[in-house]
Amino acid sequence: MEVEAALRLRSTALEAAANAIAITDSNGRFQWINPAFTTLTGYTAEEVLGQTPSLLRSGLHDNTFYANLWQTISAGNVWQGEIINRRKDGALYTEEQMITPVLDANNQPAYYIAIKHDISTRKTAETKL
């Protein structure tokens, strides 16, 4: 019963987290998102599951940016940086994101966990200064 309680606690914590959390498979297809992801992006789980994060692309980053990101996480390393993405309503926002690979028994990425935080307000304030 302790294992079940621990799993329930972890699941509740992920659902309640203030930061947006998304889990993708090794091909980058969304497998799970938390409610904060919906709040951040405007997309519901039904709309994103099976899709890729390219759904959020703003068009402001070049292919080299995304190639470097994928090269980093595909090698099993954590990627951290800022991305300008587009919400469902078309509005742009800047997020700070950390993507952590979850490795399988062969030490290959099986899943990726992205933790996202909207920093648009901070970026606007920095620009004004």
N, C-alpha and C. Protein backbone atom coordinates (compact mmCIF):
# COMPACT_ATOMS: atom_id res chain seq x y z
N MET A 1 0.82 -1.20 0.00
CA MET A 1 0.00 0.00 0.00
C MET A 1 0.86 1.26 0.00
N GLU A 2 2.06 1.20 0.58
CA GLU A 2 2.94 2.37 0.58
C GLU A 2 3.34 2.77 -0.82
N VAL A 3 3.60 1.82 -1.69
CA VAL A 3 3.96 2.12 -3.08
C VAL A 3 2.81 2.83 -3.78
N GLU A 4 1.60 2.34 -3.56
CA GLU A 4 0.43 2.95 -4.18
C GLU A 4 0.24 4.39 -3.68
N ALA A 5 0.44 4.62 -2.41
CA ALA A 5 0.31 5.97 -1.84
C ALA A 5 1.38 6.90 -2.40
N ALA A 6 2.60 6.38 -2.56
CA ALA A 6 3.69 7.19 -3.11
C ALA A 6 3.41 7.56 -4.56
N LEU A 7 2.90 6.62 -5.33
CA LEU A 7 2.55 6.90 -6.73
C LEU A 7 1.42 7.92 -6.82
N ARG A 8 0.44 7.80 -5.95
CA ARG A 8 -0.67 8.75 -5.93
C ARG A 8 -0.17 10.15 -5.59
N LEU A 9 0.74 10.25 -4.62
CA LEU A 9 1.32 11.53 -4.23
C LEU A 9 2.08 12.15 -5.40
N ARG A 10 2.90 11.37 -6.08
CA ARG A 10 3.66 11.89 -7.23
C ARG A 10 2.74 12.35 -8.34
N SER A 11 1.72 11.59 -8.62
CA SER A 11 0.77 11.96 -9.66
C SER A 11 0.06 13.26 -9.29
N THR A 12 -0.36 13.37 -8.05
CA THR A 12 -1.04 14.58 -7.58
C THR A 12 -0.10 15.79 -7.67
N ALA A 13 1.16 15.59 -7.31
CA ALA A 13 2.13 16.68 -7.37
C ALA A 13 2.34 17.17 -8.80
N LEU A 14 2.45 16.26 -9.75
CA LEU A 14 2.62 16.65 -11.15
C LEU A 14 1.40 17.39 -11.67
N GLU A 15 0.22 16.93 -11.30
CA GLU A 15 -1.01 17.60 -11.72
C GLU A 15 -1.13 18.99 -11.13
N ALA A 16 -0.66 19.16 -9.88
CA ALA A 16 -0.83 20.43 -9.16
C ALA A 16 0.31 21.43 -9.40
N ALA A 17 1.38 21.00 -10.03
CA ALA A 17 2.54 21.88 -10.22
C ALA A 17 2.15 23.17 -10.92
N ALA A 18 2.74 24.27 -10.47
CA ALA A 18 2.47 25.58 -11.08
C ALA A 18 3.13 25.69 -12.45
N ASN A 19 4.26 25.03 -12.65
CA ASN A 19 4.93 25.05 -13.94
C ASN A 19 4.26 24.06 -14.89
N ALA A 20 4.24 24.42 -16.16
CA ALA A 20 3.72 23.52 -17.18
C ALA A 20 4.68 22.34 -17.33
N ILE A 21 4.12 21.15 -17.38
CA ILE A 21 4.92 19.94 -17.56
C ILE A 21 4.33 19.14 -18.71
N ALA A 22 5.22 18.70 -19.60
CA ALA A 22 4.79 17.86 -20.73
C ALA A 22 5.74 16.68 -20.82
N ILE A 23 5.19 15.52 -21.10
CA ILE A 23 6.00 14.32 -21.34
C ILE A 23 5.75 13.90 -22.78
N THR A 24 6.85 13.73 -23.52
CA THR A 24 6.76 13.24 -24.90
C THR A 24 7.47 11.90 -25.00
N ASP A 25 7.15 11.16 -26.05
CA ASP A 25 7.89 9.94 -26.33
C ASP A 25 9.20 10.31 -27.02
N SER A 26 9.96 9.32 -27.41
CA SER A 26 11.28 9.57 -28.01
C SER A 26 11.19 10.27 -29.36
N ASN A 27 10.01 10.25 -29.98
CA ASN A 27 9.79 10.95 -31.26
C ASN A 27 9.24 12.36 -31.04
N GLY A 28 9.11 12.76 -29.79
CA GLY A 28 8.63 14.10 -29.49
C GLY A 28 7.12 14.24 -29.52
N ARG A 29 6.38 13.15 -29.49
CA ARG A 29 4.91 13.22 -29.49
C ARG A 29 4.41 13.28 -28.04
N PHE A 30 3.54 14.27 -27.79
CA PHE A 30 3.01 14.43 -26.44
C PHE A 30 2.31 13.17 -25.97
N GLN A 31 2.68 12.73 -24.75
CA GLN A 31 2.04 11.59 -24.11
C GLN A 31 1.20 12.02 -22.92
N TRP A 32 1.59 13.14 -22.29
CA TRP A 32 0.90 13.63 -21.09
C TRP A 32 1.24 15.10 -20.89
N ILE A 33 0.26 15.87 -20.44
CA ILE A 33 0.48 17.26 -20.02
C ILE A 33 -0.28 17.49 -18.72
N ASN A 34 0.18 18.47 -17.95
CA ASN A 34 -0.54 18.81 -16.73
C ASN A 34 -1.45 20.02 -16.97
N PRO A 35 -2.34 20.33 -16.04
CA PRO A 35 -3.25 21.48 -16.22
C PRO A 35 -2.52 22.81 -16.44
N ALA A 36 -1.35 22.99 -15.84
CA ALA A 36 -0.59 24.24 -16.04
C ALA A 36 -0.16 24.40 -17.50
N PHE A 37 0.05 23.31 -18.20
CA PHE A 37 0.37 23.36 -19.64
C PHE A 37 -0.82 23.96 -20.39
N THR A 38 -2.01 23.52 -20.05
CA THR A 38 -3.21 24.06 -20.70
C THR A 38 -3.36 25.54 -20.37
N THR A 39 -3.11 25.92 -19.13
CA THR A 39 -3.19 27.33 -18.74
C THR A 39 -2.19 28.16 -19.53
N LEU A 40 -0.97 27.66 -19.69
CA LEU A 40 0.09 28.37 -20.39
C LEU A 40 -0.18 28.50 -21.89
N THR A 41 -0.59 27.42 -22.51
CA THR A 41 -0.67 27.38 -23.98
C THR A 41 -2.08 27.55 -24.54
N GLY A 42 -3.08 27.26 -23.74
CA GLY A 42 -4.46 27.29 -24.23
C GLY A 42 -4.90 25.98 -24.85
N TYR A 43 -3.99 25.02 -25.00
CA TYR A 43 -4.32 23.73 -25.59
C TYR A 43 -4.67 22.71 -24.51
N THR A 44 -5.74 21.96 -24.74
CA THR A 44 -6.13 20.89 -23.83
C THR A 44 -5.35 19.62 -24.16
N ALA A 45 -5.40 18.67 -23.24
CA ALA A 45 -4.75 17.38 -23.48
C ALA A 45 -5.29 16.73 -24.75
N GLU A 46 -6.59 16.80 -24.96
CA GLU A 46 -7.19 16.17 -26.14
C GLU A 46 -6.64 16.77 -27.42
N GLU A 47 -6.28 18.05 -27.39
CA GLU A 47 -5.77 18.71 -28.59
C GLU A 47 -4.29 18.43 -28.85
N VAL A 48 -3.52 18.11 -27.81
CA VAL A 48 -2.08 17.96 -28.02
C VAL A 48 -1.58 16.52 -27.99
N LEU A 49 -2.27 15.63 -27.29
CA LEU A 49 -1.75 14.26 -27.20
C LEU A 49 -1.59 13.66 -28.60
N GLY A 50 -0.41 13.12 -28.85
CA GLY A 50 -0.09 12.59 -30.17
C GLY A 50 0.54 13.60 -31.11
N GLN A 51 0.41 14.89 -30.79
CA GLN A 51 1.02 15.96 -31.57
C GLN A 51 2.47 16.17 -31.10
N THR A 52 3.21 16.99 -31.81
CA THR A 52 4.57 17.34 -31.39
C THR A 52 4.59 18.79 -30.92
N PRO A 53 5.64 19.17 -30.19
CA PRO A 53 5.74 20.55 -29.73
C PRO A 53 5.80 21.58 -30.85
N SER A 54 5.99 21.15 -32.07
CA SER A 54 5.98 22.10 -33.19
C SER A 54 4.63 22.81 -33.29
N LEU A 55 3.62 22.24 -32.67
CA LEU A 55 2.31 22.88 -32.58
C LEU A 55 2.43 24.28 -31.96
N LEU A 56 3.43 24.48 -31.11
CA LEU A 56 3.61 25.74 -30.39
C LEU A 56 4.60 26.69 -31.08
N ARG A 57 5.21 26.27 -32.14
CA ARG A 57 6.26 27.09 -32.78
C ARG A 57 5.79 28.47 -33.18
N SER A 58 6.62 29.44 -32.84
CA SER A 58 6.32 30.83 -33.16
C SER A 58 6.83 31.21 -34.55
N GLY A 59 7.81 30.47 -35.05
CA GLY A 59 8.45 30.83 -36.32
C GLY A 59 9.60 31.80 -36.12
N LEU A 60 9.92 32.11 -34.86
CA LEU A 60 10.99 33.07 -34.58
C LEU A 60 12.35 32.43 -34.34
N HIS A 61 12.39 31.11 -34.27
CA HIS A 61 13.66 30.40 -34.11
C HIS A 61 13.96 29.65 -35.41
N ASP A 62 15.23 29.62 -35.78
CA ASP A 62 15.58 28.93 -37.02
C ASP A 62 15.75 27.43 -36.78
N ASN A 63 15.93 26.71 -37.88
CA ASN A 63 16.08 25.25 -37.79
C ASN A 63 17.31 24.84 -36.99
N THR A 64 18.35 25.65 -37.01
CA THR A 64 19.58 25.34 -36.26
C THR A 64 19.28 25.33 -34.76
N PHE A 65 18.45 26.24 -34.30
CA PHE A 65 18.06 26.29 -32.88
C PHE A 65 17.45 24.95 -32.47
N TYR A 66 16.47 24.48 -33.25
CA TYR A 66 15.80 23.22 -32.92
C TYR A 66 16.71 22.02 -33.12
N ALA A 67 17.58 22.06 -34.12
CA ALA A 67 18.53 20.96 -34.35
C ALA A 67 19.46 20.82 -33.16
N ASN A 68 19.95 21.94 -32.61
CA ASN A 68 20.82 21.89 -31.44
C ASN A 68 20.08 21.35 -30.22
N LEU A 69 18.83 21.77 -30.04
CA LEU A 69 18.02 21.27 -28.93
C LEU A 69 17.88 19.75 -29.04
N TRP A 70 17.47 19.26 -30.21
CA TRP A 70 17.27 17.82 -30.41
C TRP A 70 18.57 17.05 -30.30
N GLN A 71 19.66 17.62 -30.79
CA GLN A 71 20.96 16.95 -30.67
C GLN A 71 21.32 16.76 -29.20
N THR A 72 21.07 17.76 -28.40
CA THR A 72 21.38 17.70 -26.97
C THR A 72 20.56 16.63 -26.27
N ILE A 73 19.23 16.67 -26.43
CA ILE A 73 18.39 15.71 -25.70
C ILE A 73 18.49 14.30 -26.27
N SER A 74 18.70 14.17 -27.56
CA SER A 74 18.85 12.84 -28.17
C SER A 74 20.12 12.14 -27.69
N ALA A 75 21.11 12.94 -27.29
CA ALA A 75 22.36 12.38 -26.75
C ALA A 75 22.21 12.02 -25.26
N GLY A 76 21.00 12.26 -24.71
CA GLY A 76 20.76 11.92 -23.31
C GLY A 76 21.08 13.04 -22.35
N ASN A 77 21.30 14.24 -22.87
CA ASN A 77 21.66 15.38 -22.03
C ASN A 77 20.46 16.30 -21.81
N VAL A 78 20.51 17.03 -20.71
CA VAL A 78 19.46 18.00 -20.40
C VAL A 78 19.68 19.26 -21.23
N TRP A 79 18.59 19.79 -21.78
CA TRP A 79 18.63 21.07 -22.49
C TRP A 79 17.86 22.09 -21.67
N GLN A 80 18.43 23.28 -21.56
CA GLN A 80 17.76 24.36 -20.85
C GLN A 80 17.92 25.64 -21.64
N GLY A 81 16.84 26.40 -21.78
CA GLY A 81 16.93 27.65 -22.52
C GLY A 81 15.60 28.36 -22.59
N GLU A 82 15.59 29.43 -23.36
CA GLU A 82 14.39 30.22 -23.57
C GLU A 82 13.86 30.00 -24.97
N ILE A 83 12.55 29.90 -25.06
CA ILE A 83 11.90 29.70 -26.36
C ILE A 83 10.71 30.66 -26.45
N ILE A 84 10.58 31.28 -27.60
CA ILE A 84 9.37 32.07 -27.86
C ILE A 84 8.41 31.14 -28.59
N ASN A 85 7.27 30.88 -27.96
CA ASN A 85 6.26 30.00 -28.53
C ASN A 85 4.96 30.76 -28.77
N ARG A 86 4.01 30.07 -29.38
CA ARG A 86 2.72 30.67 -29.74
C ARG A 86 1.61 29.89 -29.05
N ARG A 87 0.75 30.63 -28.35
CA ARG A 87 -0.42 30.02 -27.71
C ARG A 87 -1.47 29.66 -28.76
N LYS A 88 -2.46 28.92 -28.33
CA LYS A 88 -3.56 28.52 -29.22
C LYS A 88 -4.24 29.74 -29.83
N ASP A 89 -4.35 30.84 -29.05
CA ASP A 89 -5.01 32.05 -29.54
C ASP A 89 -4.11 32.89 -30.45
N GLY A 90 -2.88 32.42 -30.68
CA GLY A 90 -1.95 33.12 -31.57
C GLY A 90 -0.99 34.06 -30.87
N ALA A 91 -1.21 34.33 -29.59
CA ALA A 91 -0.34 35.23 -28.83
C ALA A 91 1.03 34.58 -28.60
N LEU A 92 2.07 35.38 -28.73
CA LEU A 92 3.42 34.90 -28.46
C LEU A 92 3.74 35.04 -26.99
N TYR A 93 4.57 34.14 -26.48
CA TYR A 93 5.05 34.22 -25.10
C TYR A 93 6.44 33.63 -25.05
N THR A 94 7.19 34.06 -24.06
CA THR A 94 8.54 33.54 -23.87
C THR A 94 8.52 32.60 -22.67
N GLU A 95 9.06 31.43 -22.87
CA GLU A 95 9.13 30.48 -21.76
C GLU A 95 10.56 30.05 -21.52
N GLU A 96 10.85 29.83 -20.26
CA GLU A 96 12.10 29.20 -19.85
C GLU A 96 11.76 27.72 -19.77
N GLN A 97 12.58 26.90 -20.37
CA GLN A 97 12.24 25.48 -20.47
C GLN A 97 13.45 24.62 -20.15
N MET A 98 13.19 23.51 -19.47
CA MET A 98 14.22 22.50 -19.24
C MET A 98 13.64 21.17 -19.73
N ILE A 99 14.39 20.51 -20.61
CA ILE A 99 13.96 19.21 -21.14
C ILE A 99 14.95 18.16 -20.65
N THR A 100 14.41 17.17 -19.95
CA THR A 100 15.22 16.10 -19.38
C THR A 100 14.87 14.78 -20.05
N PRO A 101 15.85 14.10 -20.64
CA PRO A 101 15.58 12.78 -21.21
C PRO A 101 15.38 11.73 -20.11
N VAL A 102 14.48 10.80 -20.33
CA VAL A 102 14.30 9.64 -19.47
C VAL A 102 14.86 8.47 -20.26
N LEU A 103 15.92 7.87 -19.76
CA LEU A 103 16.62 6.83 -20.52
C LEU A 103 16.04 5.45 -20.26
N ASP A 104 16.09 4.60 -21.29
CA ASP A 104 15.62 3.23 -21.16
C ASP A 104 16.77 2.33 -20.68
N ALA A 105 16.54 1.03 -20.66
CA ALA A 105 17.54 0.07 -20.18
C ALA A 105 18.82 0.08 -21.02
N ASN A 106 18.73 0.54 -22.27
CA ASN A 106 19.90 0.61 -23.16
C ASN A 106 20.54 1.99 -23.14
N ASN A 107 20.13 2.82 -22.17
CA ASN A 107 20.68 4.18 -22.03
C ASN A 107 20.32 5.09 -23.19
N GLN A 108 19.19 4.81 -23.82
CA GLN A 108 18.69 5.63 -24.92
C GLN A 108 17.45 6.38 -24.44
N PRO A 109 17.23 7.62 -24.93
CA PRO A 109 16.04 8.36 -24.52
C PRO A 109 14.75 7.63 -24.94
N ALA A 110 13.90 7.37 -23.95
CA ALA A 110 12.60 6.75 -24.21
C ALA A 110 11.50 7.80 -24.12
N TYR A 111 11.71 8.78 -23.27
CA TYR A 111 10.76 9.88 -23.06
C TYR A 111 11.55 11.15 -22.78
N TYR A 112 10.85 12.27 -22.92
CA TYR A 112 11.42 13.56 -22.55
C TYR A 112 10.42 14.27 -21.65
N ILE A 113 10.91 14.84 -20.58
CA ILE A 113 10.07 15.62 -19.68
C ILE A 113 10.47 17.08 -19.82
N ALA A 114 9.51 17.89 -20.22
CA ALA A 114 9.75 19.33 -20.36
C ALA A 114 9.03 20.06 -19.23
N ILE A 115 9.76 20.92 -18.56
CA ILE A 115 9.18 21.78 -17.53
C ILE A 115 9.32 23.20 -18.05
N LYS A 116 8.16 23.90 -18.10
CA LYS A 116 8.09 25.20 -18.76
C LYS A 116 7.59 26.25 -17.78
N HIS A 117 8.15 27.45 -17.91
CA HIS A 117 7.73 28.57 -17.07
C HIS A 117 7.64 29.81 -17.93
N ASP A 118 6.49 30.47 -17.89
CA ASP A 118 6.27 31.69 -18.67
C ASP A 118 7.07 32.83 -18.06
N ILE A 119 7.98 33.39 -18.85
CA ILE A 119 8.81 34.51 -18.38
C ILE A 119 8.54 35.78 -19.20
N SER A 120 7.40 35.83 -19.86
CA SER A 120 7.07 36.97 -20.72
C SER A 120 7.08 38.28 -19.96
N THR A 121 6.49 38.31 -18.77
CA THR A 121 6.43 39.54 -17.97
C THR A 121 7.84 40.01 -17.62
N ARG A 122 8.67 39.08 -17.21
CA ARG A 122 10.06 39.42 -16.86
C ARG A 122 10.81 39.95 -18.08
N LYS A 123 10.62 39.31 -19.24
CA LYS A 123 11.31 39.74 -20.46
C LYS A 123 10.85 41.15 -20.87
N THR A 124 9.56 41.43 -20.71
CA THR A 124 9.04 42.76 -21.03
C THR A 124 9.65 43.80 -20.11
N ALA A 125 9.74 43.50 -18.82
CA ALA A 125 10.33 44.42 -17.85
C ALA A 125 11.80 44.66 -18.17
N GLU A 126 12.52 43.60 -18.54
CA GLU A 126 13.94 43.75 -18.88
C GLU A 126 14.11 44.64 -20.12
N THR A 127 13.23 44.47 -21.08
CA THR A 127 13.30 45.28 -22.29
C THR A 127 13.08 46.76 -21.97
N LYS A 128 12.15 47.05 -21.07
CA LYS A 128 11.84 48.43 -20.68
C LYS A 128 13.01 49.08 -19.96
N LEU A 129 13.79 48.28 -19.23
CA LEU A 129 14.96 48.83 -18.53
C LEU A 129 16.07 49.09 -19.52
